[in-house]
Amino acid sequence: MDQTLASVSEKSFNAYKKKNFLVANEGFRECLTLLEQQNDTLGAAEMRNNISVVLLELEKPEEALAIIRGTDLVFAANGEKKRQAMALGNIAAALQALGNLAEALPIYEESAELFKETNDNELRAITLKKISDLQLRTGKQYQALASLEASYDQKEKKSLKEKILKDFLGTIIRKITRR
């Protein structure tokens, strides 16, 4: 990474951390241009992911979806499963923000499966919670309970609240599935 790119990237990430999303968006777009000029396909795909996250924060889901489409395929072609999973999660988040819940759900599920393959339990847990939320909103209550319980199973260190919720969910699921 050249010095200009590194400097702009650092400034953009700092702006993002400070919730200055307009500045972060401008900086990440400048980085994207530089990466594309260098023919850095993976770097450009990663930058598109960053831009999509910022655009979602700016409540611009159409733009977020447009900029991120296809990045999952770039990562898949390069054997980058974790980054592919993150890209899929961002695509699903944009679709969800657009109200396309039925389209977002299987993409989140694919993302969760890839996180499972990469043993990233924390990101898988976050994704499973999103899946549970969408399942509830689309009338799949039983699946939502199971997804939520699975999300708690992924976390190695659970807070007291999470332990209680997991036990409570387990009790509910056992009572529902008893015949």
N, C-alpha and C. Protein backbone atom coordinates (compact mmCIF):
# COMPACT_ATOMS: atom_id res chain seq x y z
N MET A 1 0.86 -1.18 0.00
CA MET A 1 0.00 0.00 0.00
C MET A 1 0.90 1.24 0.00
N ASP A 2 0.69 2.12 -0.96
CA ASP A 2 1.53 3.30 -1.01
C ASP A 2 1.15 4.28 0.10
N GLN A 3 2.01 5.28 0.28
CA GLN A 3 1.85 6.21 1.40
C GLN A 3 0.56 7.02 1.31
N THR A 4 0.20 7.48 0.12
CA THR A 4 -1.03 8.26 -0.04
C THR A 4 -2.24 7.43 0.33
N LEU A 5 -2.28 6.21 -0.20
CA LEU A 5 -3.40 5.31 0.08
C LEU A 5 -3.49 5.01 1.58
N ALA A 6 -2.36 4.72 2.19
CA ALA A 6 -2.34 4.42 3.63
C ALA A 6 -2.83 5.61 4.44
N SER A 7 -2.41 6.80 4.07
CA SER A 7 -2.80 8.01 4.79
C SER A 7 -4.30 8.28 4.65
N VAL A 8 -4.81 8.19 3.43
CA VAL A 8 -6.24 8.44 3.20
C VAL A 8 -7.07 7.37 3.90
N SER A 9 -6.62 6.13 3.83
CA SER A 9 -7.33 5.02 4.48
C SER A 9 -7.41 5.23 5.99
N GLU A 10 -6.29 5.60 6.58
CA GLU A 10 -6.27 5.84 8.04
C GLU A 10 -7.21 6.98 8.43
N LYS A 11 -7.17 8.07 7.67
CA LYS A 11 -8.06 9.21 7.95
C LYS A 11 -9.53 8.80 7.82
N SER A 12 -9.81 7.97 6.83
CA SER A 12 -11.19 7.53 6.60
C SER A 12 -11.68 6.65 7.74
N PHE A 13 -10.83 5.72 8.19
CA PHE A 13 -11.22 4.86 9.31
C PHE A 13 -11.40 5.67 10.58
N ASN A 14 -10.54 6.66 10.79
CA ASN A 14 -10.69 7.53 11.96
C ASN A 14 -11.99 8.32 11.89
N ALA A 15 -12.33 8.82 10.72
CA ALA A 15 -13.59 9.54 10.54
C ALA A 15 -14.77 8.62 10.83
N TYR A 16 -14.68 7.37 10.37
CA TYR A 16 -15.75 6.40 10.61
C TYR A 16 -15.92 6.16 12.11
N LYS A 17 -14.80 5.97 12.80
CA LYS A 17 -14.85 5.72 14.25
C LYS A 17 -15.49 6.89 14.99
N LYS A 18 -15.29 8.10 14.46
CA LYS A 18 -15.87 9.30 15.08
C LYS A 18 -17.28 9.58 14.57
N LYS A 19 -17.82 8.63 13.78
CA LYS A 19 -19.16 8.74 13.21
C LYS A 19 -19.31 9.93 12.25
N ASN A 20 -18.19 10.32 11.66
CA ASN A 20 -18.21 11.36 10.63
C ASN A 20 -18.30 10.64 9.29
N PHE A 21 -19.50 10.17 8.97
CA PHE A 21 -19.69 9.27 7.84
C PHE A 21 -19.50 9.94 6.49
N LEU A 22 -19.80 11.22 6.37
CA LEU A 22 -19.59 11.90 5.09
C LEU A 22 -18.11 11.95 4.74
N VAL A 23 -17.28 12.28 5.71
CA VAL A 23 -15.83 12.32 5.49
C VAL A 23 -15.30 10.92 5.22
N ALA A 24 -15.79 9.94 5.96
CA ALA A 24 -15.36 8.56 5.75
C ALA A 24 -15.73 8.10 4.34
N ASN A 25 -16.93 8.44 3.89
CA ASN A 25 -17.38 8.06 2.55
C ASN A 25 -16.47 8.65 1.48
N GLU A 26 -16.17 9.93 1.61
CA GLU A 26 -15.29 10.59 0.64
C GLU A 26 -13.91 9.93 0.62
N GLY A 27 -13.38 9.67 1.80
CA GLY A 27 -12.05 9.07 1.89
C GLY A 27 -12.00 7.66 1.34
N PHE A 28 -13.00 6.85 1.70
CA PHE A 28 -13.03 5.48 1.19
C PHE A 28 -13.18 5.47 -0.33
N ARG A 29 -13.94 6.41 -0.86
CA ARG A 29 -14.10 6.49 -2.33
C ARG A 29 -12.77 6.88 -2.99
N GLU A 30 -12.03 7.77 -2.35
CA GLU A 30 -10.71 8.13 -2.87
C GLU A 30 -9.79 6.91 -2.85
N CYS A 31 -9.85 6.14 -1.76
CA CYS A 31 -9.06 4.91 -1.67
C CYS A 31 -9.46 3.93 -2.76
N LEU A 32 -10.75 3.80 -3.01
CA LEU A 32 -11.24 2.89 -4.05
C LEU A 32 -10.65 3.27 -5.40
N THR A 33 -10.66 4.55 -5.71
CA THR A 33 -10.09 5.01 -6.98
C THR A 33 -8.62 4.63 -7.08
N LEU A 34 -7.86 4.86 -6.01
CA LEU A 34 -6.43 4.52 -6.00
C LEU A 34 -6.22 3.02 -6.16
N LEU A 35 -7.01 2.23 -5.47
CA LEU A 35 -6.88 0.77 -5.56
C LEU A 35 -7.23 0.27 -6.96
N GLU A 36 -8.25 0.84 -7.56
CA GLU A 36 -8.61 0.44 -8.92
C GLU A 36 -7.53 0.84 -9.92
N GLN A 37 -6.89 2.00 -9.70
CA GLN A 37 -5.78 2.42 -10.57
C GLN A 37 -4.60 1.46 -10.45
N GLN A 38 -4.45 0.85 -9.28
CA GLN A 38 -3.36 -0.11 -9.04
C GLN A 38 -3.76 -1.54 -9.42
N ASN A 39 -4.97 -1.70 -9.95
CA ASN A 39 -5.51 -3.03 -10.30
C ASN A 39 -5.51 -3.99 -9.11
N ASP A 40 -5.76 -3.45 -7.92
CA ASP A 40 -5.84 -4.25 -6.70
C ASP A 40 -7.31 -4.66 -6.49
N THR A 41 -7.67 -5.78 -7.09
CA THR A 41 -9.06 -6.23 -7.07
C THR A 41 -9.55 -6.52 -5.66
N LEU A 42 -8.74 -7.23 -4.88
CA LEU A 42 -9.15 -7.55 -3.50
C LEU A 42 -9.27 -6.29 -2.65
N GLY A 43 -8.29 -5.42 -2.76
CA GLY A 43 -8.34 -4.16 -2.00
C GLY A 43 -9.55 -3.32 -2.39
N ALA A 44 -9.85 -3.28 -3.68
CA ALA A 44 -11.01 -2.52 -4.15
C ALA A 44 -12.31 -3.12 -3.63
N ALA A 45 -12.38 -4.45 -3.61
CA ALA A 45 -13.59 -5.11 -3.08
C ALA A 45 -13.76 -4.80 -1.60
N GLU A 46 -12.65 -4.83 -0.86
CA GLU A 46 -12.71 -4.50 0.57
C GLU A 46 -13.17 -3.06 0.77
N MET A 47 -12.65 -2.16 -0.06
CA MET A 47 -13.02 -0.75 0.06
C MET A 47 -14.50 -0.56 -0.28
N ARG A 48 -15.01 -1.31 -1.25
CA ARG A 48 -16.43 -1.25 -1.58
C ARG A 48 -17.28 -1.68 -0.38
N ASN A 49 -16.79 -2.68 0.35
CA ASN A 49 -17.48 -3.10 1.58
C ASN A 49 -17.51 -1.95 2.59
N ASN A 50 -16.37 -1.29 2.76
CA ASN A 50 -16.31 -0.17 3.70
C ASN A 50 -17.29 0.94 3.30
N ILE A 51 -17.31 1.24 2.01
CA ILE A 51 -18.22 2.29 1.52
C ILE A 51 -19.67 1.89 1.77
N SER A 52 -19.99 0.62 1.55
CA SER A 52 -21.38 0.19 1.74
C SER A 52 -21.82 0.35 3.19
N VAL A 53 -20.92 0.05 4.12
CA VAL A 53 -21.24 0.20 5.54
C VAL A 53 -21.51 1.67 5.86
N VAL A 54 -20.68 2.54 5.33
CA VAL A 54 -20.86 3.98 5.55
C VAL A 54 -22.17 4.45 4.93
N LEU A 55 -22.46 3.99 3.73
CA LEU A 55 -23.70 4.40 3.06
C LEU A 55 -24.93 3.93 3.84
N LEU A 56 -24.85 2.76 4.45
CA LEU A 56 -25.97 2.31 5.29
C LEU A 56 -26.12 3.23 6.50
N GLU A 57 -25.01 3.66 7.06
CA GLU A 57 -25.07 4.61 8.19
C GLU A 57 -25.68 5.94 7.74
N LEU A 58 -25.43 6.30 6.49
CA LEU A 58 -25.99 7.54 5.94
C LEU A 58 -27.41 7.34 5.40
N GLU A 59 -27.96 6.15 5.64
CA GLU A 59 -29.32 5.80 5.21
C GLU A 59 -29.49 5.91 3.70
N LYS A 60 -28.51 5.35 2.99
CA LYS A 60 -28.54 5.29 1.52
C LYS A 60 -28.39 3.84 1.08
N PRO A 61 -29.40 3.01 1.38
CA PRO A 61 -29.26 1.57 1.10
C PRO A 61 -29.17 1.23 -0.39
N GLU A 62 -29.81 2.02 -1.27
CA GLU A 62 -29.71 1.74 -2.71
C GLU A 62 -28.28 1.87 -3.17
N GLU A 63 -27.61 2.95 -2.75
CA GLU A 63 -26.21 3.17 -3.12
C GLU A 63 -25.33 2.10 -2.49
N ALA A 64 -25.64 1.73 -1.25
CA ALA A 64 -24.85 0.70 -0.56
C ALA A 64 -24.91 -0.61 -1.32
N LEU A 65 -26.10 -0.98 -1.74
CA LEU A 65 -26.27 -2.23 -2.48
C LEU A 65 -25.55 -2.17 -3.83
N ALA A 66 -25.66 -1.03 -4.50
CA ALA A 66 -25.03 -0.89 -5.82
C ALA A 66 -23.51 -1.02 -5.73
N ILE A 67 -22.92 -0.45 -4.69
CA ILE A 67 -21.45 -0.45 -4.60
C ILE A 67 -20.90 -1.80 -4.14
N ILE A 68 -21.70 -2.57 -3.42
CA ILE A 68 -21.18 -3.81 -2.85
C ILE A 68 -21.47 -5.04 -3.70
N ARG A 69 -22.46 -4.96 -4.56
CA ARG A 69 -22.82 -6.12 -5.40
C ARG A 69 -21.58 -6.67 -6.09
N GLY A 70 -21.39 -7.98 -5.97
CA GLY A 70 -20.29 -8.66 -6.65
C GLY A 70 -19.03 -8.81 -5.83
N THR A 71 -18.91 -8.07 -4.73
CA THR A 71 -17.68 -8.19 -3.94
C THR A 71 -17.55 -9.58 -3.32
N ASP A 72 -18.69 -10.19 -2.99
CA ASP A 72 -18.64 -11.55 -2.44
C ASP A 72 -18.02 -12.52 -3.43
N LEU A 73 -18.28 -12.31 -4.71
CA LEU A 73 -17.73 -13.18 -5.75
C LEU A 73 -16.22 -12.98 -5.90
N VAL A 74 -15.76 -11.74 -5.75
CA VAL A 74 -14.31 -11.47 -5.80
C VAL A 74 -13.62 -12.22 -4.67
N PHE A 75 -14.18 -12.13 -3.47
CA PHE A 75 -13.57 -12.81 -2.33
C PHE A 75 -13.63 -14.33 -2.49
N ALA A 76 -14.75 -14.84 -2.99
CA ALA A 76 -14.90 -16.28 -3.20
C ALA A 76 -13.86 -16.78 -4.20
N ALA A 77 -13.65 -16.03 -5.27
CA ALA A 77 -12.69 -16.43 -6.31
C ALA A 77 -11.26 -16.45 -5.78
N ASN A 78 -11.03 -15.70 -4.71
CA ASN A 78 -9.69 -15.63 -4.13
C ASN A 78 -9.56 -16.45 -2.84
N GLY A 79 -10.56 -17.27 -2.54
CA GLY A 79 -10.50 -18.13 -1.36
C GLY A 79 -10.60 -17.40 -0.04
N GLU A 80 -11.16 -16.20 -0.05
CA GLU A 80 -11.28 -15.36 1.14
C GLU A 80 -12.67 -15.55 1.76
N LYS A 81 -12.86 -16.69 2.44
CA LYS A 81 -14.21 -17.02 2.94
C LYS A 81 -14.73 -16.04 3.98
N LYS A 82 -13.87 -15.61 4.89
CA LYS A 82 -14.34 -14.68 5.93
C LYS A 82 -14.77 -13.35 5.30
N ARG A 83 -13.96 -12.84 4.38
CA ARG A 83 -14.31 -11.59 3.73
C ARG A 83 -15.54 -11.77 2.85
N GLN A 84 -15.68 -12.95 2.25
CA GLN A 84 -16.88 -13.26 1.47
C GLN A 84 -18.11 -13.23 2.37
N ALA A 85 -17.98 -13.83 3.55
CA ALA A 85 -19.10 -13.84 4.50
C ALA A 85 -19.47 -12.43 4.93
N MET A 86 -18.46 -11.59 5.16
CA MET A 86 -18.73 -10.21 5.56
C MET A 86 -19.42 -9.46 4.42
N ALA A 87 -18.97 -9.68 3.19
CA ALA A 87 -19.60 -9.02 2.04
C ALA A 87 -21.05 -9.45 1.91
N LEU A 88 -21.30 -10.75 2.06
CA LEU A 88 -22.68 -11.24 1.99
C LEU A 88 -23.54 -10.61 3.08
N GLY A 89 -22.98 -10.49 4.29
CA GLY A 89 -23.71 -9.84 5.37
C GLY A 89 -24.05 -8.39 5.05
N ASN A 90 -23.11 -7.70 4.41
CA ASN A 90 -23.36 -6.31 4.03
C ASN A 90 -24.40 -6.21 2.90
N ILE A 91 -24.36 -7.15 1.97
CA ILE A 91 -25.37 -7.18 0.90
C ILE A 91 -26.75 -7.40 1.53
N ALA A 92 -26.82 -8.37 2.44
CA ALA A 92 -28.09 -8.67 3.11
C ALA A 92 -28.58 -7.46 3.92
N ALA A 93 -27.66 -6.77 4.58
CA ALA A 93 -28.05 -5.59 5.36
C ALA A 93 -28.65 -4.51 4.46
N ALA A 94 -28.06 -4.32 3.28
CA ALA A 94 -28.60 -3.33 2.35
C ALA A 94 -29.98 -3.75 1.86
N LEU A 95 -30.13 -5.03 1.54
CA LEU A 95 -31.44 -5.53 1.11
C LEU A 95 -32.47 -5.37 2.22
N GLN A 96 -32.06 -5.67 3.45
CA GLN A 96 -32.96 -5.52 4.60
C GLN A 96 -33.38 -4.06 4.75
N ALA A 97 -32.42 -3.15 4.62
CA ALA A 97 -32.74 -1.73 4.75
C ALA A 97 -33.69 -1.26 3.65
N LEU A 98 -33.65 -1.94 2.51
CA LEU A 98 -34.56 -1.62 1.41
C LEU A 98 -35.92 -2.29 1.57
N GLY A 99 -36.05 -3.13 2.62
CA GLY A 99 -37.31 -3.81 2.87
C GLY A 99 -37.45 -5.14 2.15
N ASN A 100 -36.39 -5.61 1.51
CA ASN A 100 -36.40 -6.88 0.78
C ASN A 100 -36.01 -8.01 1.73
N LEU A 101 -36.86 -8.27 2.72
CA LEU A 101 -36.54 -9.24 3.77
C LEU A 101 -36.39 -10.65 3.23
N ALA A 102 -37.28 -11.06 2.34
CA ALA A 102 -37.24 -12.42 1.80
C ALA A 102 -35.96 -12.66 1.00
N GLU A 103 -35.46 -11.63 0.35
CA GLU A 103 -34.22 -11.75 -0.41
C GLU A 103 -33.00 -11.71 0.51
N ALA A 104 -33.08 -10.94 1.59
CA ALA A 104 -31.96 -10.80 2.51
C ALA A 104 -31.72 -12.06 3.33
N LEU A 105 -32.79 -12.75 3.72
CA LEU A 105 -32.68 -13.90 4.63
C LEU A 105 -31.73 -14.99 4.13
N PRO A 106 -31.88 -15.51 2.91
CA PRO A 106 -30.96 -16.57 2.48
C PRO A 106 -29.51 -16.09 2.34
N ILE A 107 -29.33 -14.81 2.08
CA ILE A 107 -27.97 -14.28 1.97
C ILE A 107 -27.33 -14.23 3.36
N TYR A 108 -28.10 -13.80 4.37
CA TYR A 108 -27.59 -13.87 5.75
C TYR A 108 -27.26 -15.32 6.12
N GLU A 109 -28.11 -16.26 5.71
CA GLU A 109 -27.88 -17.67 6.04
C GLU A 109 -26.59 -18.18 5.40
N GLU A 110 -26.34 -17.78 4.16
CA GLU A 110 -25.09 -18.16 3.50
C GLU A 110 -23.89 -17.55 4.22
N SER A 111 -24.04 -16.31 4.65
CA SER A 111 -22.99 -15.63 5.41
C SER A 111 -22.69 -16.38 6.71
N ALA A 112 -23.74 -16.75 7.43
CA ALA A 112 -23.57 -17.48 8.70
C ALA A 112 -22.86 -18.81 8.48
N GLU A 113 -23.18 -19.48 7.39
CA GLU A 113 -22.54 -20.77 7.09
C GLU A 113 -21.05 -20.58 6.81
N LEU A 114 -20.70 -19.53 6.10
CA LEU A 114 -19.29 -19.25 5.83
C LEU A 114 -18.55 -18.88 7.12
N PHE A 115 -19.20 -18.12 8.00
CA PHE A 115 -18.57 -17.81 9.29
C PHE A 115 -18.34 -19.09 10.09
N LYS A 116 -19.26 -20.04 9.97
CA LYS A 116 -19.09 -21.33 10.64
C LYS A 116 -17.87 -22.05 10.09
N GLU A 117 -17.71 -22.04 8.78
CA GLU A 117 -16.57 -22.69 8.13
C GLU A 117 -15.24 -22.06 8.53
N THR A 118 -15.25 -20.76 8.81
CA THR A 118 -14.02 -20.07 9.18
C THR A 118 -13.84 -20.00 10.70
N ASN A 119 -14.73 -20.65 11.42
CA ASN A 119 -14.68 -20.67 12.90
C ASN A 119 -14.74 -19.28 13.52
N ASP A 120 -15.43 -18.36 12.87
CA ASP A 120 -15.60 -17.02 13.44
C ASP A 120 -16.93 -16.99 14.17
N ASN A 121 -16.90 -17.44 15.41
CA ASN A 121 -18.12 -17.58 16.20
C ASN A 121 -18.78 -16.25 16.54
N GLU A 122 -17.99 -15.22 16.76
CA GLU A 122 -18.57 -13.92 17.12
C GLU A 122 -19.37 -13.33 15.96
N LEU A 123 -18.78 -13.32 14.77
CA LEU A 123 -19.50 -12.79 13.61
C LEU A 123 -20.67 -13.69 13.23
N ARG A 124 -20.51 -15.00 13.42
CA ARG A 124 -21.62 -15.91 13.16
C ARG A 124 -22.78 -15.62 14.12
N ALA A 125 -22.45 -15.37 15.39
CA ALA A 125 -23.50 -15.07 16.38
C ALA A 125 -24.26 -13.81 15.99
N ILE A 126 -23.54 -12.79 15.56
CA ILE A 126 -24.19 -11.54 15.14
C ILE A 126 -25.11 -11.80 13.95
N THR A 127 -24.63 -12.59 13.00
CA THR A 127 -25.41 -12.90 11.80
C THR A 127 -26.64 -13.74 12.15
N LEU A 128 -26.48 -14.69 13.06
CA LEU A 128 -27.63 -15.52 13.47
C LEU A 128 -28.70 -14.67 14.15
N LYS A 129 -28.30 -13.65 14.89
CA LYS A 129 -29.28 -12.75 15.50
C LYS A 129 -30.04 -11.98 14.42
N LYS A 130 -29.34 -11.57 13.37
CA LYS A 130 -30.01 -10.88 12.26
C LYS A 130 -30.98 -11.83 11.56
N ILE A 131 -30.56 -13.08 11.40
CA ILE A 131 -31.43 -14.10 10.79
C ILE A 131 -32.68 -14.27 11.64
N SER A 132 -32.49 -14.38 12.95
CA SER A 132 -33.62 -14.55 13.86
C SER A 132 -34.60 -13.38 13.74
N ASP A 133 -34.06 -12.17 13.69
CA ASP A 133 -34.91 -10.98 13.54
C ASP A 133 -35.73 -11.05 12.26
N LEU A 134 -35.08 -11.40 11.15
CA LEU A 134 -35.81 -11.49 9.88
C LEU A 134 -36.83 -12.61 9.90
N GLN A 135 -36.48 -13.73 10.53
CA GLN A 135 -37.44 -14.83 10.62
C GLN A 135 -38.68 -14.41 11.39
N LEU A 136 -38.48 -13.68 12.47
CA LEU A 136 -39.63 -13.17 13.23
C LEU A 136 -40.49 -12.25 12.36
N ARG A 137 -39.84 -11.38 11.63
CA ARG A 137 -40.55 -10.39 10.81
C ARG A 137 -41.23 -11.01 9.60
N THR A 138 -40.83 -12.23 9.23
CA THR A 138 -41.44 -12.88 8.07
C THR A 138 -42.33 -14.06 8.48
N GLY A 139 -42.69 -14.11 9.78
CA GLY A 139 -43.65 -15.11 10.24
C GLY A 139 -43.08 -16.48 10.54
N LYS A 140 -41.77 -16.58 10.68
CA LYS A 140 -41.13 -17.87 10.95
C LYS A 140 -40.66 -17.89 12.41
N GLN A 141 -41.63 -17.87 13.34
CA GLN A 141 -41.32 -17.71 14.75
C GLN A 141 -40.48 -18.86 15.32
N TYR A 142 -40.81 -20.09 14.96
CA TYR A 142 -40.07 -21.23 15.52
C TYR A 142 -38.62 -21.23 15.04
N GLN A 143 -38.43 -20.95 13.76
CA GLN A 143 -37.06 -20.88 13.25
C GLN A 143 -36.31 -19.72 13.91
N ALA A 144 -37.02 -18.64 14.18
CA ALA A 144 -36.40 -17.48 14.81
C ALA A 144 -35.87 -17.84 16.20
N LEU A 145 -36.66 -18.59 16.95
CA LEU A 145 -36.21 -19.03 18.28
C LEU A 145 -34.97 -19.90 18.18
N ALA A 146 -34.98 -20.83 17.23
CA ALA A 146 -33.83 -21.72 17.06
C ALA A 146 -32.59 -20.94 16.62
N SER A 147 -32.75 -19.98 15.73
CA SER A 147 -31.61 -19.17 15.27
C SER A 147 -31.06 -18.33 16.41
N LEU A 148 -31.95 -17.77 17.22
CA LEU A 148 -31.50 -16.96 18.34
C LEU A 148 -30.76 -17.82 19.35
N GLU A 149 -31.29 -19.01 19.64
CA GLU A 149 -30.59 -19.92 20.56
C GLU A 149 -29.21 -20.28 20.00
N ALA A 150 -29.13 -20.56 18.71
CA ALA A 150 -27.85 -20.89 18.08
C ALA A 150 -26.87 -19.73 18.18
N SER A 151 -27.38 -18.50 18.10
CA SER A 151 -26.49 -17.34 18.21
C SER A 151 -25.84 -17.28 19.59
N TYR A 152 -26.60 -17.63 20.62
CA TYR A 152 -26.03 -17.65 21.96
C TYR A 152 -25.05 -18.80 22.14
N ASP A 153 -25.28 -19.92 21.44
CA ASP A 153 -24.37 -21.05 21.51
C ASP A 153 -22.99 -20.70 20.94
N GLN A 154 -22.93 -19.74 20.03
CA GLN A 154 -21.67 -19.39 19.37
C GLN A 154 -20.71 -18.63 20.29
N LYS A 155 -21.25 -17.93 21.24
CA LYS A 155 -20.41 -17.09 22.10
C LYS A 155 -19.75 -17.92 23.17
N GLU A 156 -18.43 -17.81 23.25
CA GLU A 156 -17.69 -18.55 24.27
C GLU A 156 -17.87 -17.90 25.64
N LYS A 157 -17.80 -16.58 25.67
CA LYS A 157 -17.97 -15.85 26.93
C LYS A 157 -19.31 -15.15 26.89
N LYS A 158 -20.22 -15.65 27.70
CA LYS A 158 -21.57 -15.08 27.74
C LYS A 158 -21.73 -14.25 29.00
N SER A 159 -22.43 -13.14 28.86
CA SER A 159 -22.77 -12.34 30.03
C SER A 159 -23.86 -13.09 30.79
N LEU A 160 -24.11 -12.67 32.01
CA LEU A 160 -25.17 -13.29 32.81
C LEU A 160 -26.51 -13.19 32.08
N LYS A 161 -26.77 -12.03 31.50
CA LYS A 161 -28.02 -11.83 30.75
C LYS A 161 -28.12 -12.83 29.60
N GLU A 162 -27.02 -13.02 28.87
CA GLU A 162 -27.03 -13.95 27.74
C GLU A 162 -27.23 -15.39 28.20
N LYS A 163 -26.63 -15.74 29.32
CA LYS A 163 -26.81 -17.09 29.86
C LYS A 163 -28.27 -17.34 30.24
N ILE A 164 -28.88 -16.35 30.88
CA ILE A 164 -30.29 -16.48 31.27
C ILE A 164 -31.18 -16.57 30.04
N LEU A 165 -30.93 -15.70 29.05
CA LEU A 165 -31.73 -15.73 27.82
C LEU A 165 -31.59 -17.06 27.09
N LYS A 166 -30.36 -17.58 27.03
CA LYS A 166 -30.13 -18.87 26.37
C LYS A 166 -30.90 -19.98 27.08
N ASP A 167 -30.84 -20.01 28.40
CA ASP A 167 -31.58 -21.03 29.16
C ASP A 167 -33.08 -20.87 28.94
N PHE A 168 -33.55 -19.64 28.96
CA PHE A 168 -34.97 -19.36 28.75
C PHE A 168 -35.42 -19.82 27.36
N LEU A 169 -34.63 -19.50 26.35
CA LEU A 169 -34.95 -19.93 24.98
C LEU A 169 -34.98 -21.45 24.88
N GLY A 170 -34.01 -22.09 25.51
CA GLY A 170 -33.98 -23.56 25.50
C GLY A 170 -35.23 -24.15 26.10
N THR A 171 -35.69 -23.57 27.21
CA THR A 171 -36.91 -24.04 27.87
C THR A 171 -38.12 -23.86 26.95
N ILE A 172 -38.22 -22.70 26.33
CA ILE A 172 -39.34 -22.44 25.42
C ILE A 172 -39.33 -23.43 24.25
N ILE A 173 -38.18 -23.62 23.67
CA ILE A 173 -38.08 -24.53 22.51
C ILE A 173 -38.44 -25.95 22.91
N ARG A 174 -37.98 -26.40 24.07
CA ARG A 174 -38.32 -27.75 24.53
C ARG A 174 -39.82 -27.89 24.75
N LYS A 175 -40.45 -26.87 25.32
CA LYS A 175 -41.90 -26.93 25.56
C LYS A 175 -42.68 -26.92 24.25
N ILE A 176 -42.24 -26.15 23.30
CA ILE A 176 -42.93 -26.06 22.01
C ILE A 176 -42.81 -27.37 21.24
N THR A 177 -41.65 -27.99 21.29
CA THR A 177 -41.42 -29.18 20.47
C THR A 177 -41.88 -30.47 21.12
N ARG A 178 -42.32 -30.42 22.38
CA ARG A 178 -42.87 -31.61 23.05
C ARG A 178 -44.16 -32.01 22.38
N ARG A 179 -44.35 -33.28 22.20
CA ARG A 179 -45.59 -33.76 21.56
C ARG A 179 -46.39 -34.56 22.53
